[in-house]
PDB file of N, CA and C in Angstrom:
ATOM      1  N   MET A   1      69.235  70.287   8.466  1.00  0.00           N
ATOM      2  CA  MET A   1      69.806  70.209   7.231  1.00  0.00           C
ATOM      3  C   MET A   1      70.657  68.908   7.312  1.00  0.00           C
ATOM      4  N   HIS A   2      70.705  68.119   6.169  1.00  0.00           N
ATOM      5  CA  HIS A   2      71.301  66.857   6.133  1.00  0.00           C
ATOM      6  C   HIS A   2      72.944  66.868   6.053  1.00  0.00           C
ATOM      7  N   LYS A   3      73.617  66.235   6.576  1.00  0.00           N
ATOM      8  CA  LYS A   3      74.969  66.067   6.236  1.00  0.00           C
ATOM      9  C   LYS A   3      75.338  65.249   5.216  1.00  0.00           C
ATOM     10  N   VAL A   4      76.304  65.940   4.160  1.00  0.00           N
ATOM     11  CA  VAL A   4      76.731  65.148   3.099  1.00  0.00           C
ATOM     12  C   VAL A   4      77.650  63.939   3.485  1.00  0.00           C
ATOM     13  N   VAL A   5      77.515  62.812   3.021  1.00  0.00           N
ATOM     14  CA  VAL A   5      78.316  61.711   3.519  1.00  0.00           C
ATOM     15  C   VAL A   5      78.872  60.960   2.030  1.00  0.00           C
ATOM     16  N   THR A   6      80.093  60.804   2.081  1.00  0.00           N
ATOM     17  CA  THR A   6      80.610  60.185   0.821  1.00  0.00           C
ATOM     18  C   THR A   6      80.523  58.545   0.811  1.00  0.00           C
ATOM     19  N   ILE A   7      80.551  57.958  -0.237  1.00  0.00           N
ATOM     20  CA  ILE A   7      80.577  56.631  -0.520  1.00  0.00           C
ATOM     21  C   ILE A   7      81.568  55.752   0.496  1.00  0.00           C
ATOM     22  N   THR A   8      82.739  56.326   0.568  1.00  0.00           N
ATOM     23  CA  THR A   8      83.783  55.838   1.298  1.00  0.00           C
ATOM     24  C   THR A   8      83.287  55.906   2.775  1.00  0.00           C
ATOM     25  N   GLN A   9      82.823  56.805   3.329  1.00  0.00           N
ATOM     26  CA  GLN A   9      82.186  56.997   4.801  1.00  0.00           C
ATOM     27  C   GLN A   9      81.108  55.943   5.101  1.00  0.00           C
ATOM     28  N   VAL A  10      80.180  55.820   3.935  1.00  0.00           N
ATOM     29  CA  VAL A  10      79.077  54.777   4.161  1.00  0.00           C
ATOM     30  C   VAL A  10      79.640  53.463   4.277  1.00  0.00           C
ATOM     31  N   PHE A  11      80.669  53.128   3.423  1.00  0.00           N
ATOM     32  CA  PHE A  11      81.363  51.736   3.423  1.00  0.00           C
ATOM     33  C   PHE A  11      82.028  51.371   4.646  1.00  0.00           C
ATOM     34  N   HIS A  12      82.847  52.478   5.070  1.00  0.00           N
ATOM     35  CA  HIS A  12      83.476  52.465   6.377  1.00  0.00           C
ATOM     36  C   HIS A  12      82.467  52.007   7.585  1.00  0.00           C
ATOM     37  N   ASP A  13      81.431  52.800   7.564  1.00  0.00           N
ATOM     38  CA  ASP A  13      80.376  52.569   8.598  1.00  0.00           C
ATOM     39  C   ASP A  13      79.723  51.162   8.679  1.00  0.00           C
ATOM     40  N   GLY A  14      79.432  50.664   7.321  1.00  0.00           N
ATOM     41  CA  GLY A  14      78.974  49.396   7.048  1.00  0.00           C
ATOM     42  C   GLY A  14      80.065  48.398   7.737  1.00  0.00           C
ATOM     43  N   VAL A  15      81.220  48.628   7.447  1.00  0.00           N
ATOM     44  CA  VAL A  15      82.165  47.579   8.065  1.00  0.00           C
ATOM     45  C   VAL A  15      82.270  47.548   9.457  1.00  0.00           C
ATOM     46  N   GLN A  16      82.262  48.903  10.011  1.00  0.00           N
ATOM     47  CA  GLN A  16      82.189  49.024  11.424  1.00  0.00           C
ATOM     48  C   GLN A  16      81.074  48.186  12.117  1.00  0.00           C
ATOM     49  N   ARG A  17      79.668  48.395  11.335  1.00  0.00           N
ATOM     50  CA  ARG A  17      78.693  47.672  11.916  1.00  0.00           C
ATOM     51  C   ARG A  17      78.886  46.153  12.021  1.00  0.00           C
ATOM     52  N   VAL A  18      79.328  45.759  10.833  1.00  0.00           N
ATOM     53  CA  VAL A  18      79.609  44.194  10.640  1.00  0.00           C
ATOM     54  C   VAL A  18      80.616  43.717  11.863  1.00  0.00           C
ATOM     55  N   LYS A  19      81.616  44.505  11.955  1.00  0.00           N
ATOM     56  CA  LYS A  19      82.645  44.165  13.032  1.00  0.00           C
ATOM     57  C   LYS A  19      81.960  44.064  14.491  1.00  0.00           C
ATOM     58  N   ALA A  20      81.139  45.114  14.608  1.00  0.00           N
ATOM     59  CA  ALA A  20      80.449  45.141  15.920  1.00  0.00           C
ATOM     60  C   ALA A  20      79.362  43.981  16.194  1.00  0.00           C
ATOM     61  N   ALA A  21      79.037  43.250  15.017  1.00  0.00           N
ATOM     62  CA  ALA A  21      77.989  42.121  15.102  1.00  0.00           C
ATOM     63  C   ALA A  21      78.462  40.950  14.434  1.00  0.00           C
ATOM     64  N   PRO A  22      79.481  40.395  14.887  1.00  0.00           N
ATOM     65  CA  PRO A  22      80.009  39.064  13.887  1.00  0.00           C
ATOM     66  C   PRO A  22      78.926  38.013  13.865  1.00  0.00           C
ATOM     67  N   VAL A  23      78.190  37.897  15.085  1.00  0.00           N
ATOM     68  CA  VAL A  23      77.173  36.708  15.146  1.00  0.00           C
ATOM     69  C   VAL A  23      76.224  36.825  13.904  1.00  0.00           C
ATOM     70  N   ILE A  24      75.790  38.215  13.523  1.00  0.00           N
ATOM     71  CA  ILE A  24      74.854  38.290  12.613  1.00  0.00           C
ATOM     72  C   ILE A  24      75.451  37.847  11.140  1.00  0.00           C
ATOM     73  N   LEU A  25      76.824  38.150  10.960  1.00  0.00           N
ATOM     74  CA  LEU A  25      77.415  37.858   9.704  1.00  0.00           C
ATOM     75  C   LEU A  25      77.548  36.245   9.584  1.00  0.00           C
ATOM     76  N   ILE A  26      77.995  35.628  10.666  1.00  0.00           N
ATOM     77  CA  ILE A  26      78.113  34.038  10.900  1.00  0.00           C
ATOM     78  C   ILE A  26      76.595  33.542  10.664  1.00  0.00           C
ATOM     79  N   GLY A  27      75.599  34.002  11.263  1.00  0.00           N
ATOM     80  CA  GLY A  27      74.211  33.586  11.223  1.00  0.00           C
ATOM     81  C   GLY A  27      73.832  33.427   9.745  1.00  0.00           C
ATOM     82  N   ILE A  28      74.141  34.632   8.969  1.00  0.00           N
ATOM     83  CA  ILE A  28      73.680  34.783   7.626  1.00  0.00           C
ATOM     84  C   ILE A  28      74.401  33.942   6.819  1.00  0.00           C
ATOM     85  N   PHE A  29      75.713  33.666   7.116  1.00  0.00           N
ATOM     86  CA  PHE A  29      76.473  32.666   6.325  1.00  0.00           C
ATOM     87  C   PHE A  29      76.062  31.153   6.449  1.00  0.00           C
ATOM     88  N   LEU A  30      75.806  30.974   7.730  1.00  0.00           N
ATOM     89  CA  LEU A  30      75.265  29.495   7.912  1.00  0.00           C
ATOM     90  C   LEU A  30      73.843  29.390   7.515  1.00  0.00           C
ATOM     91  N   THR A  31      73.125  30.370   7.333  1.00  0.00           N
ATOM     92  CA  THR A  31      71.623  30.090   6.650  1.00  0.00           C
ATOM     93  C   THR A  31      71.794  29.920   5.377  1.00  0.00           C
ATOM     94  N   THR A  32      72.658  30.769   4.646  1.00  0.00           N
ATOM     95  CA  THR A  32      72.902  30.569   3.393  1.00  0.00           C
ATOM     96  C   THR A  32      73.370  29.154   3.003  1.00  0.00           C
ATOM     97  N   LEU A  33      74.246  28.806   3.858  1.00  0.00           N
ATOM     98  CA  LEU A  33      74.961  27.418   3.566  1.00  0.00           C
ATOM     99  C   LEU A  33      73.852  26.222   3.836  1.00  0.00           C
ATOM    100  N   ILE A  34      73.195  26.401   4.785  1.00  0.00           N
ATOM    101  CA  ILE A  34      72.141  25.536   5.039  1.00  0.00           C
ATOM    102  C   ILE A  34      71.044  25.428   3.980  1.00  0.00           C
ATOM    103  N   LEU A  35      70.679  26.563   3.393  1.00  0.00           N
ATOM    104  CA  LEU A  35      69.750  26.391   2.260  1.00  0.00           C
ATOM    105  C   LEU A  35      70.448  25.944   1.069  1.00  0.00           C
ATOM    106  N   ALA A  36      71.518  26.361   0.849  1.00  0.00           N
ATOM    107  CA  ALA A  36      72.196  26.075  -0.698  1.00  0.00           C
ATOM    108  C   ALA A  36      72.729  24.730  -0.661  1.00  0.00           C
ATOM    109  N   VAL A  37      73.329  23.962   0.437  1.00  0.00           N
ATOM    110  CA  VAL A  37      74.028  22.811   0.146  1.00  0.00           C
ATOM    111  C   VAL A  37      72.974  21.630  -0.182  1.00  0.00           C
ATOM    112  N   PRO A  38      71.933  21.488   0.424  1.00  0.00           N
ATOM    113  CA  PRO A  38      70.911  20.357  -0.119  1.00  0.00           C
ATOM    114  C   PRO A  38      70.455  20.535  -1.313  1.00  0.00           C
ATOM    115  N   GLN A  39      70.213  21.862  -2.007  1.00  0.00           N
ATOM    116  CA  GLN A  39      69.772  21.973  -3.312  1.00  0.00           C
ATOM    117  C   GLN A  39      70.947  21.708  -4.337  1.00  0.00           C
ATOM    118  N   GLY A  40      72.184  22.085  -3.802  1.00  0.00           N
ATOM    119  CA  GLY A  40      73.350  21.750  -4.578  1.00  0.00           C
ATOM    120  C   GLY A  40      73.768  20.222  -4.951  1.00  0.00           C
ATOM    121  N   LEU A  41      73.301  19.565  -3.735  1.00  0.00           N
ATOM    122  CA  LEU A  41      73.496  18.018  -3.684  1.00  0.00           C
ATOM    123  C   LEU A  41      72.399  17.529  -4.582  1.00  0.00           C
ATOM    124  N   ILE A  42      71.267  17.964  -4.698  1.00  0.00           N
ATOM    125  CA  ILE A  42      70.152  17.516  -5.349  1.00  0.00           C
ATOM    126  C   ILE A  42      70.597  17.789  -6.898  1.00  0.00           C
ATOM    127  N   LEU A  43      70.863  18.874  -7.244  1.00  0.00           N
ATOM    128  CA  LEU A  43      71.361  19.214  -8.565  1.00  0.00           C
ATOM    129  C   LEU A  43      72.573  18.443  -9.076  1.00  0.00           C
ATOM    130  N   ARG A  44      73.608  18.228  -8.067  1.00  0.00           N
ATOM    131  CA  ARG A  44      74.657  17.415  -8.506  1.00  0.00           C
ATOM    132  C   ARG A  44      74.159  15.819  -8.958  1.00  0.00           C
ATOM    133  N   ASP A  45      73.267  15.488  -8.173  1.00  0.00           N
ATOM    134  CA  ASP A  45      72.792  14.149  -8.554  1.00  0.00           C
ATOM    135  C   ASP A  45      72.037  13.993  -9.892  1.00  0.00           C
ATOM    136  N   MET A  46      71.266  15.220  -9.999  1.00  0.00           N
ATOM    137  CA  MET A  46      70.561  15.185 -11.397  1.00  0.00           C
ATOM    138  C   MET A  46      71.465  15.222 -12.542  1.00  0.00           C
ATOM    139  N   LEU A  47      72.502  15.985 -12.371  1.00  0.00           N
ATOM    140  CA  LEU A  47      73.698  16.034 -13.309  1.00  0.00           C
ATOM    141  C   LEU A  47      74.346  14.775 -13.513  1.00  0.00           C
ATOM    142  N   ARG A  48      74.641  14.178 -12.496  1.00  0.00           N
ATOM    143  CA  ARG A  48      75.504  12.887 -12.587  1.00  0.00           C
ATOM    144  C   ARG A  48      74.525  11.742 -13.156  1.00  0.00           C
ATOM    145  N   THR A  49      73.336  11.834 -12.918  1.00  0.00           N
ATOM    146  CA  THR A  49      72.253  10.808 -13.423  1.00  0.00           C
ATOM    147  C   THR A  49      72.175  11.091 -15.005  1.00  0.00           C
ATOM    148  N   HIS A  50      72.151  12.288 -15.398  1.00  0.00           N
ATOM    149  CA  HIS A  50      71.905  12.700 -16.842  1.00  0.00           C
ATOM    150  C   HIS A  50      73.202  12.182 -17.573  1.00  0.00           C
ATOM    151  N   LEU A  51      74.421  12.703 -17.036  1.00  0.00           N
ATOM    152  CA  LEU A  51      75.494  12.432 -17.763  1.00  0.00           C
ATOM    153  C   LEU A  51      76.091  10.910 -17.854  1.00  0.00           C
ATOM    154  N   GLY A  52      75.772  10.221 -16.755  1.00  0.00           N
ATOM    155  CA  GLY A  52      76.195   8.878 -16.636  1.00  0.00           C
ATOM    156  C   GLY A  52      77.605   8.501 -17.001  1.00  0.00           C
ATOM    157  N   ASP A  53      77.920   7.570 -17.804  1.00  0.00           N
ATOM    158  CA  ASP A  53      79.241   7.337 -18.399  1.00  0.00           C
ATOM    159  C   ASP A  53      79.236   7.743 -19.790  1.00  0.00           C
ATOM    160  N   SER A  54      78.723   8.699 -20.184  1.00  0.00           N
ATOM    161  CA  SER A  54      78.607   8.929 -21.553  1.00  0.00           C
ATOM    162  C   SER A  54      79.942   9.713 -22.178  1.00  0.00           C
ATOM    163  N   LEU A  55      80.067   9.961 -23.480  1.00  0.00           N
ATOM    164  CA  LEU A  55      81.300  10.750 -23.911  1.00  0.00           C
ATOM    165  C   LEU A  55      80.869  12.178 -23.553  1.00  0.00           C
ATOM    166  N   ALA A  56      79.728  12.722 -23.193  1.00  0.00           N
ATOM    167  CA  ALA A  56      79.484  14.051 -22.932  1.00  0.00           C
ATOM    168  C   ALA A  56      79.925  14.293 -21.591  1.00  0.00           C
ATOM    169  N   ALA A  57      79.915  13.252 -20.684  1.00  0.00           N
ATOM    170  CA  ALA A  57      80.670  13.329 -19.325  1.00  0.00           C
ATOM    171  C   ALA A  57      82.000  13.836 -19.391  1.00  0.00           C
ATOM    172  N   GLU A  58      82.815  13.122 -20.276  1.00  0.00           N
ATOM    173  CA  GLU A  58      84.076  13.443 -20.466  1.00  0.00           C
ATOM    174  C   GLU A  58      84.472  14.814 -20.881  1.00  0.00           C
ATOM    175  N   ALA A  59      83.513  15.480 -21.900  1.00  0.00           N
ATOM    176  CA  ALA A  59      83.714  16.684 -22.374  1.00  0.00           C
ATOM    177  C   ALA A  59      83.173  17.779 -21.290  1.00  0.00           C
ATOM    178  N   VAL A  60      82.023  17.482 -20.499  1.00  0.00           N
ATOM    179  CA  VAL A  60      81.929  18.353 -19.441  1.00  0.00           C
ATOM    180  C   VAL A  60      82.817  18.453 -18.472  1.00  0.00           C
ATOM    181  N   ALA A  61      83.480  17.308 -18.025  1.00  0.00           N
ATOM    182  CA  ALA A  61      84.534  17.137 -16.969  1.00  0.00           C
ATOM    183  C   ALA A  61      85.840  18.202 -17.290  1.00  0.00           C
ATOM    184  N   THR A  62      86.070  18.327 -18.763  1.00  0.00           N
ATOM    185  CA  THR A  62      87.014  19.079 -19.185  1.00  0.00           C
ATOM    186  C   THR A  62      86.874  20.532 -19.570  1.00  0.00           C
ATOM    187  N   GLY A  63      85.285  20.932 -19.626  1.00  0.00           N
ATOM    188  CA  GLY A  63      85.170  22.178 -20.168  1.00  0.00           C
ATOM    189  C   GLY A  63      83.701  22.226 -20.181  1.00  0.00           C
ATOM    190  N   VAL A  64      83.216  23.306 -20.911  1.00  0.00           N
ATOM    191  CA  VAL A  64      81.707  23.503 -21.243  1.00  0.00           C
ATOM    192  C   VAL A  64      81.243  22.913 -22.408  1.00  0.00           C
ATOM    193  N   ASN A  65      80.205  22.065 -22.386  1.00  0.00           N
ATOM    194  CA  ASN A  65      79.758  21.472 -23.621  1.00  0.00           C
ATOM    195  C   ASN A  65      78.248  21.977 -23.726  1.00  0.00           C
ATOM    196  N   PHE A  66      78.214  23.000 -24.493  1.00  0.00           N
ATOM    197  CA  PHE A  66      76.994  23.780 -24.775  1.00  0.00           C
ATOM    198  C   PHE A  66      75.704  22.839 -25.156  1.00  0.00           C
ATOM    199  N   ASN A  67      76.271  22.145 -26.337  1.00  0.00           N
ATOM    200  CA  ASN A  67      75.182  21.121 -26.735  1.00  0.00           C
ATOM    201  C   ASN A  67      74.561  20.233 -25.483  1.00  0.00           C
ATOM    202  N   TRP A  68      75.223  19.674 -24.960  1.00  0.00           N
ATOM    203  CA  TRP A  68      74.754  18.704 -23.764  1.00  0.00           C
ATOM    204  C   TRP A  68      74.034  19.611 -22.866  1.00  0.00           C
ATOM    205  N   TRP A  69      74.404  20.898 -22.634  1.00  0.00           N
ATOM    206  CA  TRP A  69      73.640  21.702 -21.580  1.00  0.00           C
ATOM    207  C   TRP A  69      72.376  21.968 -21.992  1.00  0.00           C
ATOM    208  N   GLN A  70      72.240  22.365 -23.433  1.00  0.00           N
ATOM    209  CA  GLN A  70      70.913  22.644 -24.017  1.00  0.00           C
ATOM    210  C   GLN A  70      70.069  21.299 -23.938  1.00  0.00           C
ATOM    211  N   GLU A  71      70.579  20.119 -24.122  1.00  0.00           N
ATOM    212  CA  GLU A  71      69.885  18.855 -24.071  1.00  0.00           C
ATOM    213  C   GLU A  71      69.343  18.689 -22.345  1.00  0.00           C
ATOM    214  N   PHE A  72      70.188  19.042 -21.561  1.00  0.00           N
ATOM    215  CA  PHE A  72      69.833  18.900 -20.328  1.00  0.00           C
ATOM    216  C   PHE A  72      68.726  19.745 -19.811  1.00  0.00           C
ATOM    217  N   SER A  73      68.930  21.105 -20.289  1.00  0.00           N
ATOM    218  CA  SER A  73      67.950  21.946 -20.053  1.00  0.00           C
ATOM    219  C   SER A  73      66.518  21.877 -20.664  1.00  0.00           C
ATOM    220  N   ALA A  74      66.541  21.113 -21.838  1.00  0.00           N
ATOM    221  CA  ALA A  74      65.293  20.855 -22.352  1.00  0.00           C
ATOM    222  C   ALA A  74      64.527  19.811 -21.617  1.00  0.00           C
ATOM    223  N   GLN A  75      65.128  18.843 -21.110  1.00  0.00           N
ATOM    224  CA  GLN A  75      64.339  17.732 -20.272  1.00  0.00           C
ATOM    225  C   GLN A  75      64.274  17.985 -18.625  1.00  0.00           C
ATOM    226  N   ALA A  76      65.076  18.970 -18.393  1.00  0.00           N
ATOM    227  CA  ALA A  76      64.913  19.290 -16.896  1.00  0.00           C
ATOM    228  C   ALA A  76      63.634  19.603 -16.246  1.00  0.00           C
ATOM    229  N   LYS A  77      63.541  19.359 -15.119  1.00  0.00           N
ATOM    230  CA  LYS A  77      62.247  19.703 -14.252  1.00  0.00           C
ATOM    231  C   LYS A  77      62.860  20.101 -12.759  1.00  0.00           C
ATOM    232  N   GLY A  78      61.912  20.942 -12.355  1.00  0.00           N
ATOM    233  CA  GLY A  78      62.151  21.275 -10.999  1.00  0.00           C
ATOM    234  C   GLY A  78      63.371  22.185 -10.824  1.00  0.00           C
ATOM    235  N   LEU A  79      64.177  21.629  -9.756  1.00  0.00           N
ATOM    236  CA  LEU A  79      65.382  22.323  -9.608  1.00  0.00           C
ATOM    237  C   LEU A  79      66.435  22.446 -10.597  1.00  0.00           C
ATOM    238  N   GLY A  80      66.353  21.332 -11.565  1.00  0.00           N
ATOM    239  CA  GLY A  80      67.202  21.249 -12.647  1.00  0.00           C
ATOM    240  C   GLY A  80      66.959  22.350 -13.724  1.00  0.00           C
ATOM    241  N   THR A  81      65.793  23.124 -13.581  1.00  0.00           N
ATOM    242  CA  THR A  81      65.697  24.203 -14.521  1.00  0.00           C
ATOM    243  C   THR A  81      66.496  25.426 -14.352  1.00  0.00           C
ATOM    244  N   THR A  82      67.107  25.474 -13.063  1.00  0.00           N
ATOM    245  CA  THR A  82      67.881  26.573 -12.591  1.00  0.00           C
ATOM    246  C   THR A  82      69.342  26.347 -13.177  1.00  0.00           C
ATOM    247  N   PHE A  83      69.811  25.326 -13.565  1.00  0.00           N
ATOM    248  CA  PHE A  83      71.045  25.104 -14.155  1.00  0.00           C
ATOM    249  C   PHE A  83      71.042  25.656 -15.563  1.00  0.00           C
ATOM    250  N   SER A  84      71.321  27.019 -15.558  1.00  0.00           N
ATOM    251  CA  SER A  84      71.568  27.546 -16.873  1.00  0.00           C
ATOM    252  C   SER A  84      72.804  28.380 -16.910  1.00  0.00           C
ATOM    253  N   PRO A  85      73.251  28.690 -18.208  1.00  0.00           N
ATOM    254  CA  PRO A  85      74.459  29.560 -18.488  1.00  0.00           C
ATOM    255  C   PRO A  85      74.558  30.667 -17.538  1.00  0.00           C
ATOM    256  N   THR A  86      73.351  31.162 -17.138  1.00  0.00           N
ATOM    257  CA  THR A  86      73.360  32.615 -16.350  1.00  0.00           C
ATOM    258  C   THR A  86      73.917  32.355 -14.885  1.00  0.00           C
ATOM    259  N   ILE A  87      74.217  31.214 -14.692  1.00  0.00           N
ATOM    260  CA  ILE A  87      74.488  31.089 -13.233  1.00  0.00           C
ATOM    261  C   ILE A  87      76.165  31.079 -12.830  1.00  0.00           C
ATOM    262  N   ILE A  88      76.929  31.347 -14.083  1.00  0.00           N
ATOM    263  CA  ILE A  88      78.286  31.205 -14.104  1.00  0.00           C
ATOM    264  C   ILE A  88      78.763  32.589 -14.002  1.00  0.00           C
ATOM    265  N   GLY A  89      79.573  33.173 -13.193  1.00  0.00           N
ATOM    266  CA  GLY A  89      80.349  34.165 -12.916  1.00  0.00           C
ATOM    267  C   GLY A  89      79.231  35.518 -12.924  1.00  0.00           C
ATOM    268  N   PHE A  90      79.768  36.441 -13.735  1.00  0.00           N
ATOM    269  CA  PHE A  90      79.187  37.833 -14.065  1.00  0.00           C
ATOM    270  C   PHE A  90      77.718  37.686 -14.784  1.00  0.00           C
ATOM    271  N   ALA A  91      77.574  36.541 -15.303  1.00  0.00           N
ATOM    272  CA  ALA A  91      76.356  36.388 -16.112  1.00  0.00           C
ATOM    273  C   ALA A  91      75.098  36.238 -15.063  1.00  0.00           C
ATOM    274  N   ALA A  92      75.350  35.916 -13.834  1.00  0.00           N
ATOM    275  CA  ALA A  92      74.409  35.806 -12.937  1.00  0.00           C
ATOM    276  C   ALA A  92      73.954  37.307 -12.645  1.00  0.00           C
ATOM    277  N   VAL A  93      74.880  38.222 -12.437  1.00  0.00           N
ATOM    278  CA  VAL A  93      74.488  39.563 -12.133  1.00  0.00           C
ATOM    279  C   VAL A  93      73.686  40.281 -13.373  1.00  0.00           C
ATOM    280  N   LEU A  94      74.240  39.906 -14.660  1.00  0.00           N
ATOM    281  CA  LEU A  94      73.605  40.481 -15.796  1.00  0.00           C
ATOM    282  C   LEU A  94      72.098  39.991 -15.891  1.00  0.00           C
ATOM    283  N   ASP A  95      72.017  38.578 -15.586  1.00  0.00           N
ATOM    284  CA  ASP A  95      70.725  37.984 -15.649  1.00  0.00           C
ATOM    285  C   ASP A  95      69.647  38.658 -14.759  1.00  0.00           C
ATOM    286  N   ASN A  96      70.162  38.962 -13.405  1.00  0.00           N
ATOM    287  CA  ASN A  96      69.227  39.530 -12.596  1.00  0.00           C
ATOM    288  C   ASN A  96      68.986  41.067 -13.003  1.00  0.00           C
ATOM    289  N   ILE A  97      69.834  41.784 -13.492  1.00  0.00           N
ATOM    290  CA  ILE A  97      69.456  43.173 -14.140  1.00  0.00           C
ATOM    291  C   ILE A  97      68.618  43.141 -15.158  1.00  0.00           C
ATOM    292  N   THR A  98      68.890  42.014 -16.089  1.00  0.00           N
ATOM    293  CA  THR A  98      67.947  42.088 -17.275  1.00  0.00           C
ATOM    294  C   THR A  98      66.568  41.692 -16.722  1.00  0.00           C
ATOM    295  N   THR A  99      66.485  40.851 -16.043  1.00  0.00           N
ATOM    296  CA  THR A  99      65.066  40.433 -15.591  1.00  0.00           C
ATOM    297  C   THR A  99      64.449  41.494 -14.749  1.00  0.00           C
ATOM    298  N   LYS A 100      65.115  42.197 -13.873  1.00  0.00           N
ATOM    299  CA  LYS A 100      64.310  43.336 -13.193  1.00  0.00           C
ATOM    300  C   LYS A 100      63.894  44.463 -14.179  1.00  0.00           C
ATOM    301  N   TRP A 101      64.835  44.662 -15.166  1.00  0.00           N
ATOM    302  CA  TRP A 101      64.530  45.630 -16.204  1.00  0.00           C
ATOM    303  C   TRP A 101      63.508  45.285 -16.969  1.00  0.00           C
ATOM    304  N   MET A 102      63.429  43.887 -17.278  1.00  0.00           N
ATOM    305  CA  MET A 102      62.203  43.534 -18.205  1.00  0.00           C
ATOM    306  C   MET A 102      60.944  43.622 -17.524  1.00  0.00           C
ATOM    307  N   LEU A 103      60.810  43.267 -16.170  1.00  0.00           N
ATOM    308  CA  LEU A 103      59.784  43.126 -15.319  1.00  0.00           C
ATOM    309  C   LEU A 103      59.217  44.702 -15.345  1.00  0.00           C
ATOM    310  N   LYS A 104      60.078  45.584 -15.097  1.00  0.00           N
ATOM    311  CA  LYS A 104      59.576  47.093 -14.990  1.00  0.00           C
ATOM    312  C   LYS A 104      59.054  47.579 -16.549  1.00  0.00           C
ATOM    313  N   TRP A 105      59.826  47.000 -17.482  1.00  0.00           N
ATOM    314  CA  TRP A 105      59.371  47.444 -18.723  1.00  0.00           C
ATOM    315  C   TRP A 105      57.964  46.576 -18.890  1.00  0.00           C
ATOM    316  N   MET A 106      57.811  45.491 -18.694  1.00  0.00           N
ATOM    317  CA  MET A 106      56.505  44.889 -19.184  1.00  0.00           C
ATOM    318  C   MET A 106      55.413  45.524 -18.381  1.00  0.00           C
ATOM    319  N   THR A 107      55.744  45.736 -17.021  1.00  0.00           N
ATOM    320  CA  THR A 107      54.616  46.596 -16.213  1.00  0.00           C
ATOM    321  C   THR A 107      54.187  47.844 -16.739  1.00  0.00           C
ATOM    322  N   TRP A 108      55.325  48.658 -17.295  1.00  0.00           N
ATOM    323  CA  TRP A 108      55.131  49.956 -17.852  1.00  0.00           C
ATOM    324  C   TRP A 108      54.181  49.687 -19.282  1.00  0.00           C
ATOM    325  N   LEU A 109      54.481  48.731 -19.932  1.00  0.00           N
ATOM    326  CA  LEU A 109      53.816  48.515 -21.247  1.00  0.00           C
ATOM    327  C   LEU A 109      52.347  47.994 -20.992  1.00  0.00           C
ATOM    328  N   GLN A 110      52.231  47.317 -19.936  1.00  0.00           N
ATOM    329  CA  GLN A 110      50.852  46.760 -19.567  1.00  0.00           C
ATOM    330  C   GLN A 110      50.077  47.925 -19.153  1.00  0.00           C
ATOM    331  N   ASP A 111      50.606  48.914 -18.567  1.00  0.00           N
ATOM    332  CA  ASP A 111      49.895  50.031 -17.917  1.00  0.00           C
ATOM    333  C   ASP A 111      49.512  50.886 -19.286  1.00  0.00           C
ATOM    334  N   VAL A 112      50.399  51.085 -20.139  1.00  0.00           N
ATOM    335  CA  VAL A 112      50.027  51.884 -21.228  1.00  0.00           C
ATOM    336  C   VAL A 112      49.099  51.244 -22.227  1.00  0.00           C
ATOM    337  N   MET A 113      49.009  49.781 -22.420  1.00  0.00           N
ATOM    338  CA  MET A 113      48.067  49.128 -23.121  1.00  0.00           C
ATOM    339  C   MET A 113      46.629  49.116 -22.365  1.00  0.00           C
ATOM    340  N   LEU A 114      46.631  49.227 -21.221  1.00  0.00           N
ATOM    341  CA  LEU A 114      45.423  49.379 -20.365  1.00  0.00           C
ATOM    342  C   LEU A 114      44.650  50.608 -20.537  1.00  0.00           C
ATOM    343  N   THR A 115      45.708  51.576 -20.444  1.00  0.00           N
ATOM    344  CA  THR A 115      45.214  52.906 -20.507  1.00  0.00           C
ATOM    345  C   THR A 115      44.746  53.218 -21.912  1.00  0.00           C
ATOM    346  N   TYR A 116      45.307  52.712 -23.004  1.00  0.00           N
ATOM    347  CA  TYR A 116      44.860  52.884 -24.343  1.00  0.00           C
ATOM    348  C   TYR A 116      43.456  52.095 -24.539  1.00  0.00           C
ATOM    349  N   ALA A 117      43.496  51.020 -24.001  1.00  0.00           N
ATOM    350  CA  ALA A 117      42.107  50.317 -24.101  1.00  0.00           C
ATOM    351  C   ALA A 117      41.074  50.901 -23.410  1.00  0.00           C
ATOM    352  N   PHE A 118      41.325  51.511 -22.230  1.00  0.00           N
ATOM    353  CA  PHE A 118      40.307  52.191 -21.513  1.00  0.00           C
ATOM    354  C   PHE A 118      39.858  53.545 -22.275  1.00  0.00           C
ATOM    355  N   PHE A 119      40.804  54.218 -22.948  1.00  0.00           N
ATOM    356  CA  PHE A 119      40.177  55.388 -23.724  1.00  0.00           C
ATOM    357  C   PHE A 119      39.748  55.177 -25.063  1.00  0.00           C
ATOM    358  N   VAL A 120      40.048  54.312 -25.581  1.00  0.00           N
ATOM    359  CA  VAL A 120      39.715  53.786 -27.086  1.00  0.00           C
ATOM    360  C   VAL A 120      38.315  53.023 -27.138  1.00  0.00           C
TER     361      VAL A 120
END
C-alpha cells in the first residue's frame, strides 16, 4: 500500500535533495547563464540597431512603446522573432500554457477529422 504524502512533505524533500547536491544546482545555473547570455547580447544588438537615435528609442527607454514593438516584430528575423510581449512577467507562463493547450486541442481536432474522413 502506498504512503500518502502531502505537498509540503514533497517540497521539503526536494529542498533537502538540492541542499545535498549544490553542485548540480550551480551547474544548472551556469549552463542556463552560458546559453542565455550570448542570445541576450545578440538580441540587445538587434534592438539597439533598430532603435538607433530615433524618437522611438527615447519612448522605449522610458516605457513600453507598443507601436514600435509591432514594427520591430514585423521586420524581425531569427532570434528577433522571440522578442514579443509574452516574454514579460507572468505573460510568459500564460503563453506557455496557452501554447501547450492549443497543441493538445489541435491534435485532438486532427484526430477527429481523420476519423471522420476515414468513416465517411
